[in-house]
Amino acid sequence: MTILNTLTGETEFEGVLLTHSGSMSSGGKLEKSAVCEGFLGYLCDSIQPYHHYENHTITEFLTAVLDRHNALMPEEKRIYLGS
């Protein structure tokens, strides 16, 4: 799911819609609510084995964590290191 700011043309949020609901007040006002989770929530779907990271750069650490995660996940739940 992507939420786009139509005024600026910028993406405000990318993630997964978990739940949604709609309601109408007694005055006729329609309301919708949604619970979303960013793509980093996919990291909760994998288990990282214990490893003591010493003398590693942050890039090396994140690469190791993401490599382990991606090895266990289908393509749509993989996360890649960016800038």
PDB file of N, CA and C in Angstrom:
ATOM      1  N   MET A   1       0.844  -1.158   0.000  1.00  0.00           N
ATOM      2  CA  MET A   1       0.000   0.000   0.000  1.00  0.00           C
ATOM      3  C   MET A   1       0.897   1.231   0.000  1.00  0.00           C
ATOM      4  N   THR A   2       0.533   2.198  -0.806  1.00  0.00           N
ATOM      5  CA  THR A   2       1.281   3.438  -0.875  1.00  0.00           C
ATOM      6  C   THR A   2       0.325   4.604  -0.658  1.00  0.00           C
ATOM      7  N   ILE A   3       0.731   5.525   0.203  1.00  0.00           N
ATOM      8  CA  ILE A   3      -0.056   6.742   0.409  1.00  0.00           C
ATOM      9  C   ILE A   3       0.721   7.884  -0.229  1.00  0.00           C
ATOM     10  N   LEU A   4       0.089   8.529  -1.194  1.00  0.00           N
ATOM     11  CA  LEU A   4       0.713   9.594  -1.958  1.00  0.00           C
ATOM     12  C   LEU A   4       0.111  10.932  -1.563  1.00  0.00           C
ATOM     13  N   ASN A   5       0.953  11.914  -1.277  1.00  0.00           N
ATOM     14  CA  ASN A   5       0.506  13.278  -1.016  1.00  0.00           C
ATOM     15  C   ASN A   5       0.221  13.911  -2.365  1.00  0.00           C
ATOM     16  N   THR A   6      -1.053  14.144  -2.658  1.00  0.00           N
ATOM     17  CA  THR A   6      -1.420  14.662  -3.974  1.00  0.00           C
ATOM     18  C   THR A   6      -1.031  16.124  -4.159  1.00  0.00           C
ATOM     19  N   LEU A   7      -0.739  16.829  -3.069  1.00  0.00           N
ATOM     20  CA  LEU A   7      -0.300  18.222  -3.182  1.00  0.00           C
ATOM     21  C   LEU A   7       1.167  18.329  -3.570  1.00  0.00           C
ATOM     22  N   THR A   8       2.000  17.442  -3.005  1.00  0.00           N
ATOM     23  CA  THR A   8       3.437  17.505  -3.267  1.00  0.00           C
ATOM     24  C   THR A   8       3.905  16.442  -4.256  1.00  0.00           C
ATOM     25  N   GLY A   9       3.084  15.408  -4.473  1.00  0.00           N
ATOM     26  CA  GLY A   9       3.476  14.311  -5.345  1.00  0.00           C
ATOM     27  C   GLY A   9       4.437  13.339  -4.684  1.00  0.00           C
ATOM     28  N   GLU A  10       4.703  13.511  -3.387  1.00  0.00           N
ATOM     29  CA  GLU A  10       5.645  12.654  -2.673  1.00  0.00           C
ATOM     30  C   GLU A  10       4.919  11.513  -1.972  1.00  0.00           C
ATOM     31  N   THR A  11       5.614  10.389  -1.868  1.00  0.00           N
ATOM     32  CA  THR A  11       5.084   9.242  -1.138  1.00  0.00           C
ATOM     33  C   THR A  11       5.226   9.507   0.354  1.00  0.00           C
ATOM     34  N   GLU A  12       4.124   9.424   1.082  1.00  0.00           N
ATOM     35  CA  GLU A  12       4.112   9.667   2.522  1.00  0.00           C
ATOM     36  C   GLU A  12       4.330   8.375   3.312  1.00  0.00           C
ATOM     37  N   PHE A  13       3.852   7.240   2.761  1.00  0.00           N
ATOM     38  CA  PHE A  13       3.943   5.970   3.485  1.00  0.00           C
ATOM     39  C   PHE A  13       3.906   4.821   2.493  1.00  0.00           C
ATOM     40  N   GLU A  14       4.699   3.790   2.773  1.00  0.00           N
ATOM     41  CA  GLU A  14       4.624   2.530   2.044  1.00  0.00           C
ATOM     42  C   GLU A  14       4.602   1.418   3.074  1.00  0.00           C
ATOM     43  N   GLY A  15       3.675   0.518   2.937  1.00  0.00           N
ATOM     44  CA  GLY A  15       3.588  -0.567   3.896  1.00  0.00           C
ATOM     45  C   GLY A  15       2.420  -1.479   3.601  1.00  0.00           C
ATOM     46  N   VAL A  16       1.943  -2.132   4.654  1.00  0.00           N
ATOM     47  CA  VAL A  16       0.899  -3.142   4.545  1.00  0.00           C
ATOM     48  C   VAL A  16      -0.313  -2.702   5.364  1.00  0.00           C
ATOM     49  N   LEU A  17      -1.490  -2.850   4.795  1.00  0.00           N
ATOM     50  CA  LEU A  17      -2.732  -2.585   5.509  1.00  0.00           C
ATOM     51  C   LEU A  17      -3.065  -3.812   6.343  1.00  0.00           C
ATOM     52  N   LEU A  18      -3.127  -3.653   7.677  1.00  0.00           N
ATOM     53  CA  LEU A  18      -3.416  -4.781   8.568  1.00  0.00           C
ATOM     54  C   LEU A  18      -4.913  -4.937   8.787  1.00  0.00           C
ATOM     55  N   THR A  19      -5.585  -3.860   9.173  1.00  0.00           N
ATOM     56  CA  THR A  19      -7.036  -3.897   9.365  1.00  0.00           C
ATOM     57  C   THR A  19      -7.622  -2.550   8.962  1.00  0.00           C
ATOM     58  N   HIS A  20      -8.905  -2.564   8.685  1.00  0.00           N
ATOM     59  CA  HIS A  20      -9.604  -1.312   8.398  1.00  0.00           C
ATOM     60  C   HIS A  20     -11.060  -1.458   8.808  1.00  0.00           C
ATOM     61  N   SER A  21     -11.681  -0.329   9.068  1.00  0.00           N
ATOM     62  CA  SER A  21     -13.097  -0.345   9.423  1.00  0.00           C
ATOM     63  C   SER A  21     -13.721   0.978   9.015  1.00  0.00           C
ATOM     64  N   GLY A  22     -15.005   0.949   8.882  1.00  0.00           N
ATOM     65  CA  GLY A  22     -15.754   2.148   8.543  1.00  0.00           C
ATOM     66  C   GLY A  22     -16.968   2.255   9.439  1.00  0.00           C
ATOM     67  N   SER A  23     -17.418   3.469   9.658  1.00  0.00           N
ATOM     68  CA  SER A  23     -18.605   3.664  10.489  1.00  0.00           C
ATOM     69  C   SER A  23     -19.295   4.956  10.072  1.00  0.00           C
ATOM     70  N   MET A  24     -20.533   5.106  10.548  1.00  0.00           N
ATOM     71  CA  MET A  24     -21.282   6.322  10.302  1.00  0.00           C
ATOM     72  C   MET A  24     -21.888   6.774  11.626  1.00  0.00           C
ATOM     73  N   SER A  25     -21.687   8.051  11.941  1.00  0.00           N
ATOM     74  CA  SER A  25     -22.239   8.594  13.173  1.00  0.00           C
ATOM     75  C   SER A  25     -23.740   8.791  13.022  1.00  0.00           C
ATOM     76  N   SER A  26     -24.402   9.051  14.139  1.00  0.00           N
ATOM     77  CA  SER A  26     -25.855   9.274  14.093  1.00  0.00           C
ATOM     78  C   SER A  26     -26.195  10.523  13.285  1.00  0.00           C
ATOM     79  N   GLY A  27     -25.217  11.421  13.128  1.00  0.00           N
ATOM     80  CA  GLY A  27     -25.419  12.628  12.321  1.00  0.00           C
ATOM     81  C   GLY A  27     -25.130  12.407  10.847  1.00  0.00           C
ATOM     82  N   GLY A  28     -24.737  11.188  10.458  1.00  0.00           N
ATOM     83  CA  GLY A  28     -24.497  10.871   9.057  1.00  0.00           C
ATOM     84  C   GLY A  28     -23.058  11.067   8.595  1.00  0.00           C
ATOM     85  N   LYS A  29     -22.156  11.354   9.539  1.00  0.00           N
ATOM     86  CA  LYS A  29     -20.755  11.547   9.172  1.00  0.00           C
ATOM     87  C   LYS A  29     -20.081  10.192   8.981  1.00  0.00           C
ATOM     88  N   LEU A  30     -19.469   9.994   7.804  1.00  0.00           N
ATOM     89  CA  LEU A  30     -18.757   8.751   7.518  1.00  0.00           C
ATOM     90  C   LEU A  30     -17.326   8.855   8.001  1.00  0.00           C
ATOM     91  N   GLU A  31     -16.864   7.802   8.635  1.00  0.00           N
ATOM     92  CA  GLU A  31     -15.490   7.755   9.131  1.00  0.00           C
ATOM     93  C   GLU A  31     -14.869   6.428   8.737  1.00  0.00           C
ATOM     94  N   LYS A  32     -13.591   6.473   8.405  1.00  0.00           N
ATOM     95  CA  LYS A  32     -12.838   5.262   8.113  1.00  0.00           C
ATOM     96  C   LYS A  32     -11.566   5.298   8.939  1.00  0.00           C
ATOM     97  N   SER A  33     -11.144   4.138   9.400  1.00  0.00           N
ATOM     98  CA  SER A  33      -9.875   4.061  10.110  1.00  0.00           C
ATOM     99  C   SER A  33      -9.113   2.851   9.588  1.00  0.00           C
ATOM    100  N   ALA A  34      -7.799   2.946   9.676  1.00  0.00           N
ATOM    101  CA  ALA A  34      -6.948   1.869   9.185  1.00  0.00           C
ATOM    102  C   ALA A  34      -5.758   1.694  10.111  1.00  0.00           C
ATOM    103  N   VAL A  35      -5.301   0.461  10.223  1.00  0.00           N
ATOM    104  CA  VAL A  35      -4.077   0.152  10.958  1.00  0.00           C
ATOM    105  C   VAL A  35      -3.097  -0.389   9.925  1.00  0.00           C
ATOM    106  N   CYS A  36      -1.952   0.277   9.819  1.00  0.00           N
ATOM    107  CA  CYS A  36      -0.948  -0.092   8.821  1.00  0.00           C
ATOM    108  C   CYS A  36       0.378  -0.386   9.502  1.00  0.00           C
ATOM    109  N   GLU A  37       1.236  -1.098   8.784  1.00  0.00           N
ATOM    110  CA  GLU A  37       2.565  -1.412   9.280  1.00  0.00           C
ATOM    111  C   GLU A  37       3.549  -1.176   8.141  1.00  0.00           C
ATOM    112  N   GLY A  38       4.639  -0.498   8.444  1.00  0.00           N
ATOM    113  CA  GLY A  38       5.673  -0.264   7.450  1.00  0.00           C
ATOM    114  C   GLY A  38       6.362  -1.567   7.080  1.00  0.00           C
ATOM    115  N   PHE A  39       7.057  -1.554   5.944  1.00  0.00           N
ATOM    116  CA  PHE A  39       7.717  -2.762   5.467  1.00  0.00           C
ATOM    117  C   PHE A  39       8.756  -3.309   6.435  1.00  0.00           C
ATOM    118  N   LEU A  40       9.309  -2.475   7.318  1.00  0.00           N
ATOM    119  CA  LEU A  40      10.286  -2.979   8.285  1.00  0.00           C
ATOM    120  C   LEU A  40       9.645  -3.953   9.271  1.00  0.00           C
ATOM    121  N   GLY A  41       8.321  -3.951   9.353  1.00  0.00           N
ATOM    122  CA  GLY A  41       7.614  -4.925  10.186  1.00  0.00           C
ATOM    123  C   GLY A  41       7.863  -6.356   9.735  1.00  0.00           C
ATOM    124  N   TYR A  42       8.250  -6.534   8.468  1.00  0.00           N
ATOM    125  CA  TYR A  42       8.583  -7.874   7.975  1.00  0.00           C
ATOM    126  C   TYR A  42       9.756  -8.479   8.736  1.00  0.00           C
ATOM    127  N   LEU A  43      10.598  -7.645   9.325  1.00  0.00           N
ATOM    128  CA  LEU A  43      11.731  -8.169  10.087  1.00  0.00           C
ATOM    129  C   LEU A  43      11.273  -8.987  11.300  1.00  0.00           C
ATOM    130  N   CYS A  44      10.041  -8.769  11.743  1.00  0.00           N
ATOM    131  CA  CYS A  44       9.500  -9.552  12.862  1.00  0.00           C
ATOM    132  C   CYS A  44       9.121 -10.971  12.426  1.00  0.00           C
ATOM    133  N   ASP A  45       9.106 -11.224  11.116  1.00  0.00           N
ATOM    134  CA  ASP A  45       8.714 -12.532  10.603  1.00  0.00           C
ATOM    135  C   ASP A  45       9.879 -13.516  10.521  1.00  0.00           C
ATOM    136  N   SER A  46      11.077 -13.059  10.794  1.00  0.00           N
ATOM    137  CA  SER A  46      12.233 -13.960  10.751  1.00  0.00           C
ATOM    138  C   SER A  46      12.917 -13.977  12.113  1.00  0.00           C
ATOM    139  N   ILE A  47      13.624 -15.049  12.357  1.00  0.00           N
ATOM    140  CA  ILE A  47      14.349 -15.197  13.616  1.00  0.00           C
ATOM    141  C   ILE A  47      15.837 -15.118  13.323  1.00  0.00           C
ATOM    142  N   GLN A  48      16.510 -14.256  14.050  1.00  0.00           N
ATOM    143  CA  GLN A  48      17.949 -14.103  13.884  1.00  0.00           C
ATOM    144  C   GLN A  48      18.660 -14.972  14.910  1.00  0.00           C
ATOM    145  N   PRO A  49      19.603 -15.786  14.467  1.00  0.00           N
ATOM    146  CA  PRO A  49      20.364 -16.577  15.433  1.00  0.00           C
ATOM    147  C   PRO A  49      21.294 -15.660  16.226  1.00  0.00           C
ATOM    148  N   TYR A  50      21.662 -16.100  17.401  1.00  0.00           N
ATOM    149  CA  TYR A  50      22.592 -15.297  18.196  1.00  0.00           C
ATOM    150  C   TYR A  50      23.929 -15.224  17.475  1.00  0.00           C
ATOM    151  N   HIS A  51      24.475 -14.037  17.446  1.00  0.00           N
ATOM    152  CA  HIS A  51      25.814 -13.835  16.894  1.00  0.00           C
ATOM    153  C   HIS A  51      26.401 -12.600  17.561  1.00  0.00           C
ATOM    154  N   HIS A  52      27.604 -12.699  17.994  1.00  0.00           N
ATOM    155  CA  HIS A  52      28.290 -11.565  18.614  1.00  0.00           C
ATOM    156  C   HIS A  52      29.006 -10.790  17.512  1.00  0.00           C
ATOM    157  N   TYR A  53      28.513  -9.588  17.240  1.00  0.00           N
ATOM    158  CA  TYR A  53      29.100  -8.750  16.197  1.00  0.00           C
ATOM    159  C   TYR A  53      30.107  -7.805  16.839  1.00  0.00           C
ATOM    160  N   GLU A  54      31.356  -8.053  16.567  1.00  0.00           N
ATOM    161  CA  GLU A  54      32.414  -7.199  17.095  1.00  0.00           C
ATOM    162  C   GLU A  54      33.341  -6.837  15.937  1.00  0.00           C
ATOM    163  N   ASN A  55      33.802  -5.620  15.933  1.00  0.00           N
ATOM    164  CA  ASN A  55      34.688  -5.132  14.877  1.00  0.00           C
ATOM    165  C   ASN A  55      34.038  -5.217  13.492  1.00  0.00           C
ATOM    166  N   HIS A  56      32.739  -4.937  13.450  1.00  0.00           N
ATOM    167  CA  HIS A  56      32.006  -4.879  12.198  1.00  0.00           C
ATOM    168  C   HIS A  56      31.494  -3.454  12.003  1.00  0.00           C
ATOM    169  N   THR A  57      31.414  -3.030  10.766  1.00  0.00           N
ATOM    170  CA  THR A  57      30.799  -1.734  10.487  1.00  0.00           C
ATOM    171  C   THR A  57      29.284  -1.906  10.559  1.00  0.00           C
ATOM    172  N   ILE A  58      28.575  -0.801  10.635  1.00  0.00           N
ATOM    173  CA  ILE A  58      27.113  -0.875  10.661  1.00  0.00           C
ATOM    174  C   ILE A  58      26.593  -1.484   9.367  1.00  0.00           C
ATOM    175  N   THR A  59      27.261  -1.197   8.256  1.00  0.00           N
ATOM    176  CA  THR A  59      26.853  -1.773   6.971  1.00  0.00           C
ATOM    177  C   THR A  59      27.022  -3.282   6.981  1.00  0.00           C
ATOM    178  N   GLU A  60      28.114  -3.773   7.526  1.00  0.00           N
ATOM    179  CA  GLU A  60      28.336  -5.224   7.614  1.00  0.00           C
ATOM    180  C   GLU A  60      27.291  -5.883   8.511  1.00  0.00           C
ATOM    181  N   PHE A  61      26.985  -5.232   9.631  1.00  0.00           N
ATOM    182  CA  PHE A  61      25.980  -5.766  10.557  1.00  0.00           C
ATOM    183  C   PHE A  61      24.613  -5.843   9.882  1.00  0.00           C
ATOM    184  N   LEU A  62      24.172  -4.747   9.274  1.00  0.00           N
ATOM    185  CA  LEU A  62      22.858  -4.728   8.630  1.00  0.00           C
ATOM    186  C   LEU A  62      22.789  -5.704   7.463  1.00  0.00           C
ATOM    187  N   THR A  63      23.872  -5.815   6.720  1.00  0.00           N
ATOM    188  CA  THR A  63      23.909  -6.769   5.609  1.00  0.00           C
ATOM    189  C   THR A  63      23.740  -8.192   6.122  1.00  0.00           C
ATOM    190  N   ALA A  64      24.400  -8.543   7.214  1.00  0.00           N
ATOM    191  CA  ALA A  64      24.281  -9.886   7.791  1.00  0.00           C
ATOM    192  C   ALA A  64      22.850 -10.157   8.256  1.00  0.00           C
ATOM    193  N   VAL A  65      22.248  -9.198   8.933  1.00  0.00           N
ATOM    194  CA  VAL A  65      20.872  -9.367   9.424  1.00  0.00           C
ATOM    195  C   VAL A  65      19.904  -9.519   8.255  1.00  0.00           C
ATOM    196  N   LEU A  66      20.040  -8.663   7.256  1.00  0.00           N
ATOM    197  CA  LEU A  66      19.123  -8.719   6.114  1.00  0.00           C
ATOM    198  C   LEU A  66      19.348  -9.965   5.268  1.00  0.00           C
ATOM    199  N   ASP A  67      20.586 -10.409   5.129  1.00  0.00           N
ATOM    200  CA  ASP A  67      20.851 -11.638   4.381  1.00  0.00           C
ATOM    201  C   ASP A  67      20.157 -12.832   5.037  1.00  0.00           C
ATOM    202  N   ARG A  68      20.238 -12.909   6.370  1.00  0.00           N
ATOM    203  CA  ARG A  68      19.576 -13.997   7.100  1.00  0.00           C
ATOM    204  C   ARG A  68      18.063 -13.901   6.930  1.00  0.00           C
ATOM    205  N   HIS A  69      17.518 -12.706   7.098  1.00  0.00           N
ATOM    206  CA  HIS A  69      16.084 -12.491   6.943  1.00  0.00           C
ATOM    207  C   HIS A  69      15.624 -12.896   5.538  1.00  0.00           C
ATOM    208  N   ASN A  70      16.325 -12.392   4.514  1.00  0.00           N
ATOM    209  CA  ASN A  70      15.922 -12.635   3.134  1.00  0.00           C
ATOM    210  C   ASN A  70      16.026 -14.106   2.744  1.00  0.00           C
ATOM    211  N   ALA A  71      16.934 -14.839   3.366  1.00  0.00           N
ATOM    212  CA  ALA A  71      17.063 -16.267   3.071  1.00  0.00           C
ATOM    213  C   ALA A  71      15.834 -17.049   3.539  1.00  0.00           C
ATOM    214  N   LEU A  72      15.111 -16.514   4.513  1.00  0.00           N
ATOM    215  CA  LEU A  72      13.952 -17.202   5.086  1.00  0.00           C
ATOM    216  C   LEU A  72      12.613 -16.733   4.519  1.00  0.00           C
ATOM    217  N   MET A  73      12.616 -15.605   3.802  1.00  0.00           N
ATOM    218  CA  MET A  73      11.371 -14.968   3.385  1.00  0.00           C
ATOM    219  C   MET A  73      11.110 -15.106   1.888  1.00  0.00           C
ATOM    220  N   PRO A  74       9.818 -15.117   1.500  1.00  0.00           N
ATOM    221  CA  PRO A  74       9.494 -15.049   0.069  1.00  0.00           C
ATOM    222  C   PRO A  74       9.858 -13.663  -0.476  1.00  0.00           C
ATOM    223  N   GLU A  75       9.921 -13.532  -1.767  1.00  0.00           N
ATOM    224  CA  GLU A  75      10.377 -12.300  -2.413  1.00  0.00           C
ATOM    225  C   GLU A  75       9.634 -11.063  -1.917  1.00  0.00           C
ATOM    226  N   GLU A  76       8.335 -11.149  -1.714  1.00  0.00           N
ATOM    227  CA  GLU A  76       7.560  -9.953  -1.336  1.00  0.00           C
ATOM    228  C   GLU A  76       7.854  -9.472   0.092  1.00  0.00           C
ATOM    229  N   LYS A  77       8.540 -10.281   0.903  1.00  0.00           N
ATOM    230  CA  LYS A  77       8.878  -9.879   2.267  1.00  0.00           C
ATOM    231  C   LYS A  77      10.373  -9.619   2.466  1.00  0.00           C
ATOM    232  N   ARG A  78      11.112  -9.564   1.371  1.00  0.00           N
ATOM    233  CA  ARG A  78      12.551  -9.315   1.475  1.00  0.00           C
ATOM    234  C   ARG A  78      12.835  -7.831   1.569  1.00  0.00           C
ATOM    235  N   ILE A  79      13.881  -7.503   2.317  1.00  0.00           N
ATOM    236  CA  ILE A  79      14.279  -6.114   2.533  1.00  0.00           C
ATOM    237  C   ILE A  79      15.737  -5.991   2.112  1.00  0.00           C
ATOM    238  N   TYR A  80      16.028  -4.931   1.373  1.00  0.00           N
ATOM    239  CA  TYR A  80      17.374  -4.732   0.868  1.00  0.00           C
ATOM    240  C   TYR A  80      17.954  -3.443   1.434  1.00  0.00           C
ATOM    241  N   LEU A  81      19.236  -3.462   1.683  1.00  0.00           N
ATOM    242  CA  LEU A  81      19.940  -2.318   2.248  1.00  0.00           C
ATOM    243  C   LEU A  81      19.925  -1.169   1.245  1.00  0.00           C
ATOM    244  N   GLY A  82      19.574   0.001   1.718  1.00  0.00           N
ATOM    245  CA  GLY A  82      19.535   1.188   0.873  1.00  0.00           C
ATOM    246  C   GLY A  82      20.435   2.259   1.463  1.00  0.00           C
ATOM    247  N   SER A  83      20.192   3.455   1.032  1.00  0.00           N
ATOM    248  CA  SER A  83      21.011   4.557   1.536  1.00  0.00           C
ATOM    249  C   SER A  83      20.234   5.378   2.551  1.00  0.00           C
TER     250      SER A  83
END
